[in-house]
Amino acid sequence: MDPETKRLLEENLALTKETNHLMKKIVSAQRWGRVFHVLYWVLIIGASVGAYYFIQPYLQLVLGNYDAIMKGLDNVQKTTSSLPDSSSINSILDKLRQGQ
């Protein structure tokens, strides 16, 4: 084997080792990136569930108050619809005045 071919083979071997080393680093970085990406989403979902768990009693209280207010407004609407309108009140007052 001539010295030029031997030098080229050694250079090729060195480049291959360097490439292999860099590829291992890239694969390792991708693996860690995937792990941190999963941990990121687990943290976001966990924080959301935890926040809902702690806010749930207050949310139920607000929704209960909202329902009570709506029922109260329905009762007021029913009460005002059952009252006589102003024209019938005026006719009743007119009848009372005429009777005097």
C-alpha atoms as a PDB file:
ATOM      1  CA  MET A   1       0.000   0.000   0.000  1.00  0.00           C
ATOM      2  CA  ASP A   2       1.495   3.276  -1.025  1.00  0.00           C
ATOM      3  CA  PRO A   3       1.859   6.113   1.509  1.00  0.00           C
ATOM      4  CA  GLU A   4      -0.707   8.343  -0.226  1.00  0.00           C
ATOM      5  CA  THR A   5      -3.456   5.708   0.013  1.00  0.00           C
ATOM      6  CA  LYS A   6      -2.538   4.996   3.625  1.00  0.00           C
ATOM      7  CA  ARG A   7      -2.731   8.719   4.463  1.00  0.00           C
ATOM      8  CA  LEU A   8      -6.130   9.003   2.758  1.00  0.00           C
ATOM      9  CA  LEU A   9      -7.449   5.973   4.653  1.00  0.00           C
ATOM     10  CA  GLU A  10      -6.263   7.388   7.990  1.00  0.00           C
ATOM     11  CA  GLU A  11      -7.804  10.771   7.162  1.00  0.00           C
ATOM     12  CA  ASN A  12     -11.028   9.025   6.170  1.00  0.00           C
ATOM     13  CA  LEU A  13     -10.981   7.053   9.441  1.00  0.00           C
ATOM     14  CA  ALA A  14     -10.473  10.233  11.471  1.00  0.00           C
ATOM     15  CA  LEU A  15     -13.340  11.986   9.672  1.00  0.00           C
ATOM     16  CA  THR A  16     -15.574   8.945  10.144  1.00  0.00           C
ATOM     17  CA  LYS A  17     -14.816   8.870  13.883  1.00  0.00           C
ATOM     18  CA  GLU A  18     -15.556  12.597  14.158  1.00  0.00           C
ATOM     19  CA  THR A  19     -18.792  12.188  12.204  1.00  0.00           C
ATOM     20  CA  ASN A  20     -19.806   9.255  14.396  1.00  0.00           C
ATOM     21  CA  HIS A  21     -19.092  11.303  17.525  1.00  0.00           C
ATOM     22  CA  LEU A  22     -21.190  14.218  16.214  1.00  0.00           C
ATOM     23  CA  MET A  23     -24.054  11.903  15.224  1.00  0.00           C
ATOM     24  CA  LYS A  24     -24.096  10.413  18.733  1.00  0.00           C
ATOM     25  CA  LYS A  25     -24.323  13.947  20.155  1.00  0.00           C
ATOM     26  CA  ILE A  26     -27.193  14.795  17.791  1.00  0.00           C
ATOM     27  CA  VAL A  27     -29.115  11.643  18.748  1.00  0.00           C
ATOM     28  CA  SER A  28     -28.539  12.358  22.426  1.00  0.00           C
ATOM     29  CA  ALA A  29     -29.718  15.958  22.030  1.00  0.00           C
ATOM     30  CA  GLN A  30     -32.858  14.784  20.209  1.00  0.00           C
ATOM     31  CA  ARG A  31     -33.583  12.270  22.953  1.00  0.00           C
ATOM     32  CA  TRP A  32     -33.213  14.901  25.698  1.00  0.00           C
ATOM     33  CA  GLY A  33     -35.289  17.343  23.661  1.00  0.00           C
ATOM     34  CA  ARG A  34     -38.080  14.771  23.397  1.00  0.00           C
ATOM     35  CA  VAL A  35     -37.926  14.092  27.158  1.00  0.00           C
ATOM     36  CA  PHE A  36     -38.094  17.794  28.005  1.00  0.00           C
ATOM     37  CA  HIS A  37     -40.923  18.321  25.516  1.00  0.00           C
ATOM     38  CA  VAL A  38     -42.975  15.585  27.195  1.00  0.00           C
ATOM     39  CA  LEU A  39     -42.173  17.010  30.652  1.00  0.00           C
ATOM     40  CA  TYR A  40     -43.237  20.456  29.416  1.00  0.00           C
ATOM     41  CA  TRP A  41     -46.685  19.214  28.389  1.00  0.00           C
ATOM     42  CA  VAL A  42     -47.077  17.124  31.536  1.00  0.00           C
ATOM     43  CA  LEU A  43     -46.325  20.237  33.577  1.00  0.00           C
ATOM     44  CA  ILE A  44     -48.827  22.371  31.632  1.00  0.00           C
ATOM     45  CA  ILE A  45     -51.600  19.760  31.841  1.00  0.00           C
ATOM     46  CA  GLY A  46     -50.847  19.062  35.510  1.00  0.00           C
ATOM     47  CA  ALA A  47     -50.934  22.764  36.368  1.00  0.00           C
ATOM     48  CA  SER A  48     -54.264  23.134  34.553  1.00  0.00           C
ATOM     49  CA  VAL A  49     -55.821  20.199  36.399  1.00  0.00           C
ATOM     50  CA  GLY A  50     -54.412  21.453  39.710  1.00  0.00           C
ATOM     51  CA  ALA A  51     -55.733  24.956  39.113  1.00  0.00           C
ATOM     52  CA  TYR A  52     -59.178  23.575  38.291  1.00  0.00           C
ATOM     53  CA  TYR A  53     -59.066  21.426  41.444  1.00  0.00           C
ATOM     54  CA  PHE A  54     -58.366  24.464  43.629  1.00  0.00           C
ATOM     55  CA  ILE A  55     -60.733  26.826  41.784  1.00  0.00           C
ATOM     56  CA  GLN A  56     -63.625  24.348  41.542  1.00  0.00           C
ATOM     57  CA  PRO A  57     -65.292  25.276  44.893  1.00  0.00           C
ATOM     58  CA  TYR A  58     -65.254  28.971  44.019  1.00  0.00           C
ATOM     59  CA  LEU A  59     -66.509  28.227  40.528  1.00  0.00           C
ATOM     60  CA  GLN A  60     -69.389  26.182  41.919  1.00  0.00           C
ATOM     61  CA  LEU A  61     -70.215  29.028  44.323  1.00  0.00           C
ATOM     62  CA  VAL A  62     -70.327  31.539  41.479  1.00  0.00           C
ATOM     63  CA  LEU A  63     -72.453  29.231  39.335  1.00  0.00           C
ATOM     64  CA  GLY A  64     -74.813  28.638  42.279  1.00  0.00           C
ATOM     65  CA  ASN A  65     -75.175  32.378  42.800  1.00  0.00           C
ATOM     66  CA  TYR A  66     -75.814  32.857  39.095  1.00  0.00           C
ATOM     67  CA  ASP A  67     -78.577  30.236  39.173  1.00  0.00           C
ATOM     68  CA  ALA A  68     -80.138  31.871  42.237  1.00  0.00           C
ATOM     69  CA  ILE A  69     -80.108  35.283  40.550  1.00  0.00           C
ATOM     70  CA  MET A  70     -81.697  33.842  37.406  1.00  0.00           C
ATOM     71  CA  LYS A  71     -84.425  32.166  39.464  1.00  0.00           C
ATOM     72  CA  GLY A  72     -85.021  35.440  41.310  1.00  0.00           C
ATOM     73  CA  LEU A  73     -85.334  37.316  38.024  1.00  0.00           C
ATOM     74  CA  ASP A  74     -87.789  34.707  36.762  1.00  0.00           C
ATOM     75  CA  ASN A  75     -89.855  35.169  39.928  1.00  0.00           C
ATOM     76  CA  VAL A  76     -89.831  38.951  39.489  1.00  0.00           C
ATOM     77  CA  GLN A  77     -90.914  38.556  35.868  1.00  0.00           C
ATOM     78  CA  LYS A  78     -93.747  36.218  36.863  1.00  0.00           C
ATOM     79  CA  THR A  79     -94.829  38.613  39.610  1.00  0.00           C
ATOM     80  CA  THR A  80     -94.854  41.658  37.337  1.00  0.00           C
ATOM     81  CA  SER A  81     -96.773  39.771  34.656  1.00  0.00           C
ATOM     82  CA  SER A  82     -99.443  38.811  37.183  1.00  0.00           C
ATOM     83  CA  LEU A  83     -99.917  42.436  38.324  1.00  0.00           C
ATOM     84  CA  PRO A  84    -102.650  44.404  36.568  1.00  0.00           C
ATOM     85  CA  ASP A  85    -101.415  46.902  34.026  1.00  0.00           C
ATOM     86  CA  SER A  86    -101.775  50.638  34.541  1.00  0.00           C
ATOM     87  CA  SER A  87    -104.891  50.943  32.356  1.00  0.00           C
ATOM     88  CA  SER A  88    -106.812  48.466  34.501  1.00  0.00           C
ATOM     89  CA  ILE A  89    -105.661  50.275  37.667  1.00  0.00           C
ATOM     90  CA  ASN A  90    -106.878  53.571  36.214  1.00  0.00           C
ATOM     91  CA  SER A  91    -110.245  52.028  35.333  1.00  0.00           C
ATOM     92  CA  ILE A  92    -110.591  50.678  38.870  1.00  0.00           C
ATOM     93  CA  LEU A  93    -109.740  54.105  40.308  1.00  0.00           C
ATOM     94  CA  ASP A  94    -112.230  55.759  37.949  1.00  0.00           C
ATOM     95  CA  LYS A  95    -114.952  53.356  39.092  1.00  0.00           C
ATOM     96  CA  LEU A  96    -114.147  54.120  42.723  1.00  0.00           C
ATOM     97  CA  ARG A  97    -114.294  57.879  42.079  1.00  0.00           C
ATOM     98  CA  GLN A  98    -117.614  57.580  40.305  1.00  0.00           C
ATOM     99  CA  GLY A  99    -119.045  55.603  43.181  1.00  0.00           C
ATOM    100  CA  GLN A 100    -118.268  58.394  45.639  1.00  0.00           C
END
